[in-house]
Amino acid sequence: MKHISALPLLNTKKDWLVVGKGPSFSNLTAEILSSHTSVALNHAIKETKCDIAHAIDLDVVEDCAQAILQNSKYLILPLHPHIDFVASEKSLHELIKEIPVLQYLSETDRLFWYNSSTWDNPDNEHPVVPVWFFSADAVIALLAYNGIKKIRTIGIDGGQSYADSFKPFETKTLLKNGQPNFNCQFRAIAKTLKQTGVELMPIGMNEPIWIFVGSQQEQMIAVGVLEYSIMKHCKASVRVVPLHKNSIDYNYPKDPKNQPRTPFSFQRFLIPELKRFKGKAIYLDSDMQVFQDIHDLWQRDFGTANVLSAWLQESSERIPQFSVMLLDCDKLDWRIENIISGLDNGEYSYEELMHQMCVAVVDPSLEPEWNSLEFYETGKTKLLHYTDMETQPWLSTKNPLSKIWVNELSDAITDGFLSMDTIVESILAEEIRPSLYFELTRKKHNKVVIKLFKKYSDAGFLPPHRRQNAKKKKSLAKKIAHKLICSAIIKLHSKTNDSQQNLTSSPIKIHANAEPTPKR
């Protein structure tokens, strides 16, 4: 028995393939297997040959003993495998003596182990691999932490069902660890992708999902939460690009009536050029939050169109929205200077450009649940759009859906997508409301103090869009109030912040900040 770091296949030049039992398993072919180094999860090894079999639970090994011997070269297990979904007190060193298949695999150099986060006293000489929900998130972390850069998947689909080949196992193994569905594994996988940079794509995808976000610097906390909400639900790698950081300069139209209503209104027209007119891209506004797998949008068929957009409910009184779009960059010849010239030359009006997207062939076939304006329904809403700037949750406490966004922000911090240092810096730069700090840290400080600060902390805060449009400057009283609140936040934060980072109002940098791994 050897540690996973000694596995000979780690040096392979092939991309890795992780094989699960989800519905897409039915698309697995011998050709796919031959072109990858493959890992079968749990009972998947009964239905296909793979280079490696992996399990967390010992009963899987006993159920699949013959298949493991015949269909795989190696078996990988945690040093303390699970029995009834709990890490065994016995290590593999002891279990080898009790279970014949483990003894045989060990004697023939086919058994490898790793430290799992579900055991409290791991082997100190080797790193601990996070095990959150299912074997898929464990194996992807295991490969990523061992230097693998590209991983493909098949049969890792989320949802609540297996492929037809595994229907006989449903009553015995399907979601028996108490999870409501397989979607939660994507949150754990997202954390691994963020920390390691490994590229993950289901078989059939040729590139990561590219998402370009209309943005300004003061919206980077909202962008960070949006990125997190996308990745925690997605089965593939995602590249989120804030468009205000692009390298293409352009002039505004000459006629004031054709000039953009927001600083990011025209940013969406940069996307095909930024993608070198190749592949696909998704455009989103920064004031959004995603609740389902955006891969659903990515795989849509364009038909004869080159832009797919979300349509509005018939009852909506809003003008048409092009804030959620799937773009076929191969067929869009957009160059921002040409689009602005079209406005200057009277070829179309601002309304025709922005509300009819007259420079594209549009199919408004994306369901309105993918652009739900200030409305949320559990299990149905796929993307929530906080369109009212006066009540956006990072700027105001008055949004009735504020708790949904703040909880997402809290999870993003827990999972290392944002840090409290970043939140404090953004507060000092007056980019987000100060009361957010007290909502996020209410469990760490005196309840009475937190309640008092939260009630009055936004008294001197003026949101960025109101500062830009303000006819009068902020009063001296509000300036003093904001300064006092910021001083209090710095003092409170310094008590809970182990690092001695100097907090300034410098531009925000979204960065990962690894947190301890939760136990399964």
Protein backbone atom coordinates (compact mmCIF):
# COMPACT_ATOMS: atom_id res chain seq x y z
CA MET A 1 0.00 0.00 0.00
CA LYS A 2 1.38 3.37 -1.03
CA HIS A 3 0.46 7.03 -0.78
CA ILE A 4 -1.29 8.56 -3.82
CA SER A 5 1.81 10.64 -4.61
CA ALA A 6 3.54 7.40 -5.69
CA LEU A 7 0.83 6.51 -8.24
CA PRO A 8 2.62 5.87 -11.58
CA LEU A 9 -0.25 7.34 -13.63
CA LEU A 10 0.27 10.83 -12.19
CA ASN A 11 2.94 11.37 -14.84
CA THR A 12 0.66 10.52 -17.76
CA LYS A 13 0.41 13.00 -20.64
CA LYS A 14 -3.28 12.26 -21.21
CA ASP A 15 -6.04 14.42 -19.78
CA TRP A 16 -7.83 12.87 -16.83
CA LEU A 17 -11.42 11.65 -16.96
CA VAL A 18 -13.61 11.24 -13.87
CA VAL A 19 -16.50 8.83 -14.48
CA GLY A 20 -19.64 9.05 -12.35
CA LYS A 21 -23.04 7.37 -12.43
CA GLY A 22 -25.09 10.36 -13.63
CA PRO A 23 -27.27 10.33 -16.78
CA SER A 24 -24.44 11.40 -19.12
CA PHE A 25 -22.63 8.12 -18.32
CA SER A 26 -24.68 6.67 -21.18
CA ASN A 27 -22.50 8.72 -23.59
CA LEU A 28 -19.28 7.01 -22.48
CA THR A 29 -17.46 5.20 -25.31
CA ALA A 30 -14.33 3.11 -25.65
CA GLU A 31 -12.80 5.92 -27.70
CA ILE A 32 -13.31 8.41 -24.86
CA LEU A 33 -11.77 6.00 -22.36
CA SER A 34 -8.74 5.25 -24.54
CA SER A 35 -7.86 8.93 -24.91
CA HIS A 36 -7.92 9.67 -21.16
CA THR A 37 -6.51 8.43 -17.88
CA SER A 38 -9.75 7.45 -16.17
CA VAL A 39 -11.06 7.25 -12.60
CA ALA A 40 -14.34 5.45 -11.88
CA LEU A 41 -16.34 6.63 -8.88
CA ASN A 42 -17.84 3.95 -6.66
CA HIS A 43 -20.10 1.49 -8.53
CA ALA A 44 -19.25 2.99 -11.93
CA ILE A 45 -16.39 0.46 -12.05
CA LYS A 46 -19.01 -2.31 -12.42
CA GLU A 47 -20.12 -0.95 -15.79
CA THR A 48 -16.85 0.14 -17.38
CA LYS A 49 -13.13 -0.47 -17.39
CA CYS A 50 -11.10 2.41 -15.95
CA ASP A 51 -7.48 2.90 -14.99
CA ILE A 52 -8.43 3.64 -11.39
CA ALA A 53 -11.32 2.81 -9.09
CA HIS A 54 -12.07 5.21 -6.24
CA ALA A 55 -14.35 4.86 -3.24
CA ILE A 56 -14.82 6.56 0.09
CA ASP A 57 -17.12 3.98 1.67
CA LEU A 58 -15.86 0.51 2.52
CA ASP A 59 -19.13 -1.17 1.56
CA VAL A 60 -18.55 -0.02 -2.05
CA VAL A 61 -15.23 -1.90 -2.09
CA GLU A 62 -16.92 -5.05 -0.82
CA ASP A 63 -19.81 -4.71 -3.32
CA CYS A 64 -17.46 -4.08 -6.24
CA ALA A 65 -14.53 -6.31 -5.26
CA GLN A 66 -14.61 -8.47 -8.38
CA ALA A 67 -15.15 -5.50 -10.70
CA ILE A 68 -12.26 -3.60 -9.10
CA LEU A 69 -9.93 -6.54 -9.69
CA GLN A 70 -11.05 -7.05 -13.30
CA ASN A 71 -11.84 -3.54 -14.54
CA SER A 72 -9.17 -1.34 -12.92
CA LYS A 73 -5.43 -1.22 -12.47
CA TYR A 74 -5.50 0.56 -9.12
CA LEU A 75 -7.81 1.32 -6.20
CA ILE A 76 -7.64 4.60 -4.27
CA LEU A 77 -9.19 4.97 -0.81
CA PRO A 78 -8.95 7.37 2.14
CA LEU A 79 -6.56 6.13 4.81
CA HIS A 80 -9.66 5.86 7.01
CA PRO A 81 -12.47 4.72 4.67
CA HIS A 82 -16.06 5.36 5.69
CA ILE A 83 -18.38 2.85 7.26
CA ASP A 84 -22.01 4.00 7.23
CA PHE A 85 -20.82 7.42 5.97
CA VAL A 86 -18.47 8.00 8.92
CA ALA A 87 -14.68 7.66 8.84
CA SER A 88 -13.64 4.32 10.30
CA GLU A 89 -11.59 4.20 13.48
CA LYS A 90 -9.49 1.57 11.75
CA SER A 91 -6.98 2.62 9.12
CA LEU A 92 -6.24 0.75 5.92
CA HIS A 93 -3.19 -0.73 7.65
CA GLU A 94 -5.60 -2.64 9.89
CA LEU A 95 -8.37 -3.21 7.35
CA ILE A 96 -5.98 -4.87 4.91
CA LYS A 97 -5.66 -7.76 7.34
CA GLU A 98 -9.45 -8.18 7.51
CA ILE A 99 -10.59 -7.71 3.90
CA PRO A 100 -9.11 -10.11 1.30
CA VAL A 101 -9.48 -7.82 -1.73
CA LEU A 102 -7.58 -5.03 0.04
CA GLN A 103 -4.86 -7.44 1.10
CA TYR A 104 -4.45 -8.71 -2.47
CA LEU A 105 -4.38 -5.19 -3.95
CA SER A 106 -1.81 -4.10 -1.39
CA GLU A 107 0.44 -7.10 -2.04
CA THR A 108 0.32 -6.45 -5.81
CA ASP A 109 1.04 -2.68 -5.47
CA ARG A 110 -2.43 -1.73 -6.66
CA LEU A 111 -3.72 -0.04 -3.49
CA PHE A 112 -3.13 3.68 -2.85
CA TRP A 113 -4.34 5.94 -0.05
CA TYR A 114 -4.73 9.62 0.85
CA ASN A 115 -5.56 11.70 3.91
CA SER A 116 -9.22 12.68 4.01
CA SER A 117 -10.53 15.74 5.86
CA THR A 118 -13.20 13.52 7.42
CA TRP A 119 -10.60 11.98 9.76
CA ASP A 120 -9.49 14.22 12.63
CA ASN A 121 -5.99 12.80 13.07
CA PRO A 122 -4.46 12.51 9.59
CA ASP A 123 -1.00 11.28 8.72
CA ASN A 124 1.17 14.37 9.27
CA GLU A 125 3.59 13.67 6.44
CA HIS A 126 1.04 14.12 3.66
CA PRO A 127 -1.53 16.80 2.73
CA VAL A 128 -5.20 16.49 3.64
CA VAL A 129 -7.70 16.24 0.78
CA PRO A 130 -11.07 17.92 1.40
CA VAL A 131 -14.01 15.53 1.28
CA TRP A 132 -17.29 17.43 1.43
CA PHE A 133 -20.28 15.69 -0.09
CA PHE A 134 -19.54 13.00 -2.70
CA SER A 135 -16.70 11.06 -4.31
CA ALA A 136 -16.66 13.45 -7.29
CA ASP A 137 -15.58 16.49 -5.28
CA ALA A 138 -13.05 14.35 -3.39
CA VAL A 139 -11.42 12.94 -6.55
CA ILE A 140 -11.27 16.30 -8.32
CA ALA A 141 -9.56 17.81 -5.26
CA LEU A 142 -7.27 14.77 -5.02
CA LEU A 143 -6.14 15.13 -8.63
CA ALA A 144 -5.81 18.91 -8.45
CA TYR A 145 -3.71 18.77 -5.28
CA ASN A 146 -1.42 16.28 -7.02
CA GLY A 147 -0.66 18.65 -9.87
CA ILE A 148 -3.21 17.60 -12.49
CA LYS A 149 -4.16 20.65 -14.61
CA LYS A 150 -6.97 19.36 -16.87
CA ILE A 151 -9.84 17.13 -15.83
CA ARG A 152 -12.78 15.94 -17.94
CA THR A 153 -15.95 14.46 -16.51
CA ILE A 154 -18.79 12.23 -17.60
CA GLY A 155 -21.66 11.11 -15.41
CA ILE A 156 -21.16 14.01 -12.97
CA ASP A 157 -24.34 15.91 -13.75
CA GLY A 158 -25.99 17.04 -10.55
CA GLY A 159 -29.69 16.35 -10.16
CA GLN A 160 -31.20 13.35 -8.41
CA SER A 161 -30.81 10.41 -10.76
CA TYR A 162 -28.41 7.83 -12.15
CA ALA A 163 -27.90 6.68 -15.72
CA ASP A 164 -30.07 3.72 -16.75
CA SER A 165 -27.13 1.34 -16.24
CA PHE A 166 -27.21 2.07 -12.51
CA LYS A 167 -30.96 1.99 -11.88
CA PRO A 168 -30.59 -1.25 -9.85
CA PHE A 169 -28.37 0.64 -7.38
CA GLU A 170 -30.78 3.52 -6.76
CA THR A 171 -32.56 1.98 -3.79
CA LYS A 172 -29.25 1.07 -2.17
CA THR A 173 -26.92 4.00 -2.86
CA LEU A 174 -28.77 6.98 -4.39
CA LEU A 175 -28.27 10.01 -2.08
CA LYS A 176 -27.96 7.75 0.95
CA ASN A 177 -25.57 10.23 2.60
CA GLY A 178 -28.54 12.52 3.31
CA GLN A 179 -27.95 15.18 0.65
CA PRO A 180 -31.07 16.37 -1.25
CA ASN A 181 -29.37 16.08 -4.65
CA PHE A 182 -25.97 15.92 -6.33
CA ASN A 183 -25.86 19.67 -7.04
CA CYS A 184 -24.16 20.49 -3.74
CA GLN A 185 -20.96 18.79 -4.95
CA PHE A 186 -20.40 21.71 -7.33
CA ARG A 187 -19.87 24.08 -4.40
CA ALA A 188 -17.00 21.92 -3.14
CA ILE A 189 -15.64 21.52 -6.66
CA ALA A 190 -15.80 25.31 -7.19
CA LYS A 191 -13.61 25.85 -4.16
CA THR A 192 -11.01 23.43 -5.54
CA LEU A 193 -11.08 25.14 -8.94
CA LYS A 194 -10.64 28.56 -7.32
CA GLN A 195 -7.74 27.44 -5.15
CA THR A 196 -5.83 25.36 -7.70
CA GLY A 197 -6.74 26.77 -11.12
CA VAL A 198 -7.42 23.28 -12.48
CA GLU A 199 -9.55 23.24 -15.64
CA LEU A 200 -12.70 21.10 -15.41
CA MET A 201 -15.00 20.37 -18.35
CA PRO A 202 -17.60 17.70 -19.09
CA ILE A 203 -16.94 15.60 -22.19
CA GLY A 204 -18.28 17.50 -25.20
CA MET A 205 -17.09 20.95 -24.09
CA ASN A 206 -14.19 22.54 -25.98
CA GLU A 207 -13.56 25.56 -23.77
CA PRO A 208 -14.47 26.86 -20.31
CA ILE A 209 -17.62 28.94 -19.95
CA TRP A 210 -16.65 32.55 -20.65
CA ILE A 211 -18.78 35.12 -18.83
CA PHE A 212 -18.23 38.83 -19.40
CA VAL A 213 -19.72 41.18 -16.83
CA GLY A 214 -20.71 44.81 -17.34
CA SER A 215 -18.92 46.49 -14.47
CA GLN A 216 -17.16 49.38 -12.76
CA GLN A 217 -14.47 49.22 -10.09
CA GLU A 218 -16.92 50.07 -7.30
CA GLN A 219 -19.02 47.02 -8.26
CA MET A 220 -16.29 44.44 -7.73
CA ILE A 221 -17.83 43.05 -4.54
CA ALA A 222 -21.05 42.45 -6.46
CA VAL A 223 -18.99 40.88 -9.27
CA GLY A 224 -17.25 38.63 -6.73
CA VAL A 225 -20.58 37.41 -5.34
CA LEU A 226 -21.90 36.88 -8.88
CA GLU A 227 -18.82 34.84 -9.79
CA TYR A 228 -19.21 32.72 -6.67
CA SER A 229 -22.93 32.15 -7.28
CA ILE A 230 -22.14 30.98 -10.82
CA MET A 231 -19.29 28.66 -9.89
CA LYS A 232 -20.98 27.00 -6.90
CA HIS A 233 -23.72 25.67 -9.19
CA CYS A 234 -21.69 24.91 -12.31
CA LYS A 235 -20.34 21.56 -13.51
CA ALA A 236 -17.57 23.21 -15.58
CA SER A 237 -14.79 25.75 -15.24
CA VAL A 238 -15.93 29.34 -15.60
CA ARG A 239 -13.92 32.39 -16.62
CA VAL A 240 -15.51 35.59 -15.29
CA VAL A 241 -14.19 38.78 -16.91
CA PRO A 242 -15.16 42.22 -15.50
CA LEU A 243 -15.44 44.31 -18.65
CA HIS A 244 -14.17 47.55 -17.12
CA LYS A 245 -10.74 45.88 -17.05
CA ASN A 246 -10.65 45.34 -20.83
CA SER A 247 -7.89 46.85 -22.96
CA ILE A 248 -10.07 48.33 -25.73
CA ASP A 249 -10.53 52.11 -25.62
CA TYR A 250 -13.37 53.89 -27.41
CA ASN A 251 -15.00 57.30 -27.66
CA TYR A 252 -18.64 58.01 -26.83
CA PRO A 253 -21.09 59.03 -29.58
CA LYS A 254 -21.11 62.72 -30.47
CA ASP A 255 -24.82 63.27 -29.87
CA PRO A 256 -25.60 63.34 -26.11
CA LYS A 257 -28.89 61.48 -26.68
CA ASN A 258 -26.89 58.51 -28.03
CA GLN A 259 -24.43 58.38 -25.18
CA PRO A 260 -24.57 55.43 -22.74
CA ARG A 261 -26.96 55.71 -19.81
CA THR A 262 -24.46 53.91 -17.56
CA PRO A 263 -20.65 53.65 -17.75
CA PHE A 264 -20.98 49.99 -18.75
CA SER A 265 -23.88 50.20 -21.24
CA PHE A 266 -21.63 49.76 -24.30
CA GLN A 267 -19.23 47.25 -22.73
CA ARG A 268 -21.22 44.25 -24.00
CA PHE A 269 -20.33 45.16 -27.59
CA LEU A 270 -16.63 44.55 -26.84
CA ILE A 271 -17.08 40.84 -26.16
CA PRO A 272 -16.67 39.28 -29.65
CA GLU A 273 -13.46 41.22 -30.22
CA LEU A 274 -12.15 40.26 -26.76
CA LYS A 275 -12.89 36.63 -27.71
CA ARG A 276 -11.05 37.14 -31.03
CA PHE A 277 -14.35 36.43 -32.80
CA LYS A 278 -14.16 32.77 -31.81
CA GLY A 279 -16.40 30.53 -29.72
CA LYS A 280 -19.20 31.59 -27.44
CA ALA A 281 -19.62 34.00 -24.53
CA ILE A 282 -22.24 34.95 -21.98
CA TYR A 283 -22.93 38.56 -21.03
CA LEU A 284 -24.33 39.46 -17.60
CA ASP A 285 -24.72 42.65 -15.59
CA SER A 286 -22.85 42.84 -12.30
CA ASP A 287 -26.01 43.25 -10.19
CA MET A 288 -27.05 39.61 -10.50
CA GLN A 289 -27.05 36.36 -8.54
CA VAL A 290 -27.26 32.86 -10.06
CA PHE A 291 -29.07 29.88 -8.51
CA GLN A 292 -28.75 27.12 -11.12
CA ASP A 293 -26.12 25.68 -13.45
CA ILE A 294 -25.26 28.27 -16.10
CA HIS A 295 -24.03 25.40 -18.27
CA ASP A 296 -27.73 25.18 -19.18
CA LEU A 297 -27.36 28.48 -21.08
CA TRP A 298 -23.95 27.62 -22.50
CA GLN A 299 -25.20 24.52 -24.33
CA ARG A 300 -28.19 26.19 -26.02
CA ASP A 301 -28.51 25.95 -29.81
CA PHE A 302 -28.36 29.28 -31.67
CA GLY A 303 -30.35 28.08 -34.67
CA THR A 304 -30.24 30.93 -37.20
CA ALA A 305 -29.58 33.58 -34.52
CA ASN A 306 -26.25 34.89 -33.25
CA VAL A 307 -27.60 36.18 -29.92
CA LEU A 308 -29.93 34.44 -27.48
CA SER A 309 -31.55 36.65 -24.86
CA ALA A 310 -33.94 36.23 -21.96
CA TRP A 311 -37.52 37.23 -22.68
CA LEU A 312 -39.68 39.07 -20.16
CA GLN A 313 -42.98 37.94 -18.69
CA GLU A 314 -45.98 39.34 -20.60
CA SER A 315 -47.09 41.09 -17.41
CA SER A 316 -43.80 42.99 -17.15
CA GLU A 317 -43.92 46.70 -17.90
CA ARG A 318 -40.14 46.89 -18.35
CA ILE A 319 -38.51 47.65 -21.66
CA PRO A 320 -36.76 44.66 -23.31
CA GLN A 321 -33.63 43.60 -21.43
CA PHE A 322 -30.39 42.50 -23.05
CA SER A 323 -28.62 42.02 -19.73
CA VAL A 324 -28.51 38.21 -20.09
CA MET A 325 -27.20 37.10 -23.48
CA LEU A 326 -25.49 34.12 -25.06
CA LEU A 327 -23.29 35.38 -27.91
CA ASP A 328 -22.04 33.45 -30.95
CA CYS A 329 -18.72 35.26 -31.35
CA ASP A 330 -17.94 33.35 -34.55
CA LYS A 331 -20.86 35.12 -36.25
CA LEU A 332 -20.82 38.53 -34.56
CA ASP A 333 -18.65 41.12 -36.31
CA TRP A 334 -19.08 43.73 -33.58
CA ARG A 335 -16.35 46.33 -33.29
CA ILE A 336 -17.16 49.10 -30.87
CA GLU A 337 -15.89 51.88 -33.14
CA ASN A 338 -18.20 50.70 -35.95
CA ILE A 339 -21.20 50.51 -33.62
CA ILE A 340 -20.60 54.04 -32.37
CA SER A 341 -20.14 55.23 -35.96
CA GLY A 342 -23.56 53.73 -36.70
CA LEU A 343 -25.05 55.91 -33.97
CA ASP A 344 -23.17 58.99 -35.19
CA ASN A 345 -24.27 58.38 -38.79
CA GLY A 346 -27.93 57.91 -37.88
CA GLU A 347 -28.08 54.26 -38.99
CA TYR A 348 -29.98 53.46 -35.78
CA SER A 349 -30.96 55.19 -32.56
CA TYR A 350 -29.79 54.47 -29.03
CA GLU A 351 -33.13 52.80 -28.29
CA GLU A 352 -32.86 50.57 -31.38
CA LEU A 353 -29.34 49.58 -30.38
CA MET A 354 -29.88 48.96 -26.67
CA HIS A 355 -33.52 47.86 -26.51
CA GLN A 356 -33.84 46.03 -29.85
CA MET A 357 -30.21 44.90 -30.30
CA CYS A 358 -30.51 45.86 -33.96
CA VAL A 359 -26.88 44.93 -34.68
CA ALA A 360 -27.59 41.23 -34.09
CA VAL A 361 -29.97 38.45 -35.11
CA VAL A 362 -31.70 37.89 -31.79
CA ASP A 363 -33.71 34.93 -30.57
CA PRO A 364 -35.33 35.82 -27.20
CA SER A 365 -35.64 32.15 -26.28
CA LEU A 366 -34.06 32.15 -22.80
CA GLU A 367 -36.74 31.69 -20.16
CA PRO A 368 -37.57 34.72 -17.96
CA GLU A 369 -36.32 32.74 -14.95
CA TRP A 370 -32.85 33.52 -16.34
CA ASN A 371 -33.47 37.24 -15.79
CA SER A 372 -35.87 37.57 -12.87
CA LEU A 373 -36.18 41.27 -12.09
CA GLU A 374 -36.36 41.87 -8.33
CA PHE A 375 -38.35 38.64 -7.85
CA TYR A 376 -37.26 35.34 -6.34
CA GLU A 377 -39.08 32.02 -6.12
CA THR A 378 -37.29 29.13 -4.45
CA GLY A 379 -36.48 26.32 -6.86
CA LYS A 380 -37.69 28.26 -9.90
CA THR A 381 -35.64 31.46 -10.18
CA LYS A 382 -32.40 30.77 -12.04
CA LEU A 383 -30.95 34.29 -12.04
CA LEU A 384 -32.03 37.16 -9.81
CA HIS A 385 -31.43 40.66 -11.19
CA TYR A 386 -31.25 43.47 -8.62
CA THR A 387 -32.26 46.23 -11.01
CA ASP A 388 -33.27 48.95 -8.53
CA MET A 389 -30.00 50.78 -7.84
CA GLU A 390 -31.44 52.50 -4.76
CA THR A 391 -32.09 49.18 -3.01
CA GLN A 392 -29.30 46.91 -4.26
CA PRO A 393 -28.34 44.74 -1.25
CA TRP A 394 -24.71 45.89 -1.13
CA LEU A 395 -25.87 49.53 -1.07
CA SER A 396 -29.08 49.44 0.97
CA THR A 397 -30.81 47.42 3.69
CA LYS A 398 -34.23 48.12 2.17
CA ASN A 399 -34.29 45.39 -0.47
CA PRO A 400 -36.75 42.65 0.63
CA LEU A 401 -34.41 40.07 -0.97
CA SER A 402 -31.31 41.45 0.74
CA LYS A 403 -30.87 38.40 2.98
CA ILE A 404 -30.48 36.11 -0.04
CA TRP A 405 -27.58 38.17 -1.37
CA VAL A 406 -25.93 38.71 2.02
CA ASN A 407 -26.03 34.97 2.73
CA GLU A 408 -24.32 34.38 -0.63
CA LEU A 409 -21.67 36.94 0.27
CA SER A 410 -21.10 35.19 3.59
CA ASP A 411 -20.68 31.83 1.82
CA ALA A 412 -18.30 33.41 -0.70
CA ILE A 413 -16.11 34.55 2.19
CA THR A 414 -16.30 31.14 3.89
CA ASP A 415 -15.25 29.40 0.66
CA GLY A 416 -12.38 31.77 -0.06
CA PHE A 417 -13.78 33.68 -3.04
CA LEU A 418 -13.74 36.96 -1.10
CA SER A 419 -12.11 37.99 2.17
CA MET A 420 -13.18 40.18 5.07
CA ASP A 421 -10.14 42.34 4.36
CA THR A 422 -11.58 43.00 0.91
CA ILE A 423 -14.99 43.83 2.40
CA VAL A 424 -13.45 46.34 4.81
CA GLU A 425 -11.38 47.95 2.06
CA SER A 426 -14.51 48.35 -0.05
CA ILE A 427 -16.35 49.95 2.88
CA LEU A 428 -13.51 52.41 3.41
CA ALA A 429 -13.64 53.26 -0.30
CA GLU A 430 -17.40 53.92 0.07
CA GLU A 431 -18.23 51.26 -2.51
CA ILE A 432 -20.56 49.21 -0.28
CA ARG A 433 -22.64 50.03 2.80
CA PRO A 434 -20.87 49.81 6.19
CA SER A 435 -23.73 47.85 7.78
CA LEU A 436 -22.64 44.83 5.71
CA TYR A 437 -19.67 44.43 8.03
CA PHE A 438 -21.93 44.11 11.05
CA GLU A 439 -24.24 41.66 9.29
CA LEU A 440 -21.26 39.46 8.39
CA THR A 441 -19.62 39.57 11.83
CA ARG A 442 -22.66 39.56 14.12
CA LYS A 443 -21.54 36.28 15.72
CA LYS A 444 -18.04 37.55 16.53
CA HIS A 445 -18.81 40.68 18.56
CA ASN A 446 -21.07 41.85 21.38
CA LYS A 447 -24.69 41.58 20.19
CA VAL A 448 -25.75 44.92 21.67
CA VAL A 449 -22.81 46.74 20.07
CA ILE A 450 -23.43 45.10 16.70
CA LYS A 451 -27.15 45.92 16.78
CA LEU A 452 -26.41 49.56 17.64
CA PHE A 453 -23.73 49.95 14.97
CA LYS A 454 -25.84 48.24 12.31
CA LYS A 455 -28.76 50.58 12.96
CA TYR A 456 -26.76 53.78 12.50
CA SER A 457 -23.74 52.69 10.44
CA ASP A 458 -25.14 53.76 7.06
CA ALA A 459 -26.10 57.27 8.20
CA GLY A 460 -23.09 58.83 6.48
CA PHE A 461 -22.94 56.48 3.50
CA LEU A 462 -23.72 57.78 0.02
CA PRO A 463 -23.76 55.09 -2.72
CA PRO A 464 -21.35 55.62 -5.63
CA HIS A 465 -24.08 56.29 -8.21
CA ARG A 466 -25.62 58.96 -6.00
CA ARG A 467 -22.25 60.60 -5.36
CA GLN A 468 -21.63 60.81 -9.10
CA ASN A 469 -25.03 62.42 -9.75
CA ALA A 470 -25.24 64.51 -6.57
CA LYS A 471 -25.85 68.22 -7.04
CA LYS A 472 -24.62 68.86 -3.51
CA LYS A 473 -21.60 67.40 -1.78
CA LYS A 474 -22.03 65.23 1.28
CA SER A 475 -22.63 67.31 4.41
CA LEU A 476 -19.91 67.66 7.02
CA ALA A 477 -22.06 65.78 9.54
CA LYS A 478 -22.38 62.79 7.21
CA LYS A 479 -18.65 62.85 6.46
CA ILE A 480 -17.88 62.76 10.18
CA ALA A 481 -20.45 60.00 10.78
CA HIS A 482 -18.96 57.85 8.02
CA LYS A 483 -15.42 58.44 9.28
CA LEU A 484 -16.38 57.40 12.82
CA ILE A 485 -18.08 54.23 11.59
CA CYS A 486 -15.07 53.34 9.44
CA SER A 487 -12.76 53.84 12.43
CA ALA A 488 -14.96 51.53 14.50
CA ILE A 489 -14.95 48.89 11.75
CA ILE A 490 -11.15 49.00 11.49
CA LYS A 491 -10.80 48.51 15.26
CA LEU A 492 -13.31 45.66 15.35
CA HIS A 493 -11.78 44.01 12.30
CA SER A 494 -8.24 44.23 13.68
CA LYS A 495 -9.35 42.19 16.70
CA THR A 496 -10.52 39.31 14.52
CA ASN A 497 -7.91 39.58 11.78
CA ASP A 498 -4.77 37.54 12.43
CA SER A 499 -2.88 39.24 9.62
CA GLN A 500 -1.60 42.76 10.26
CA GLN A 501 -2.57 44.02 6.82
CA ASN A 502 -2.75 47.80 6.52
CA LEU A 503 -6.23 48.69 5.33
CA THR A 504 -6.47 51.48 2.80
CA SER A 505 -8.96 52.70 0.25
CA SER A 506 -6.86 51.28 -2.59
CA PRO A 507 -8.59 49.50 -5.50
CA ILE A 508 -10.17 46.20 -4.55
CA LYS A 509 -8.54 42.94 -5.56
CA ILE A 510 -10.74 39.88 -5.61
CA HIS A 511 -8.62 37.01 -4.32
CA ALA A 512 -8.91 33.54 -2.85
CA ASN A 513 -8.32 33.09 0.86
CA ALA A 514 -8.27 29.43 1.84
CA GLU A 515 -10.44 28.46 4.80
CA PRO A 516 -10.35 25.27 6.89
CA THR A 517 -12.05 22.33 5.21
CA PRO A 518 -15.48 21.48 6.64
CA LYS A 519 -16.12 17.96 7.82
CA ARG A 520 -18.46 15.75 5.87
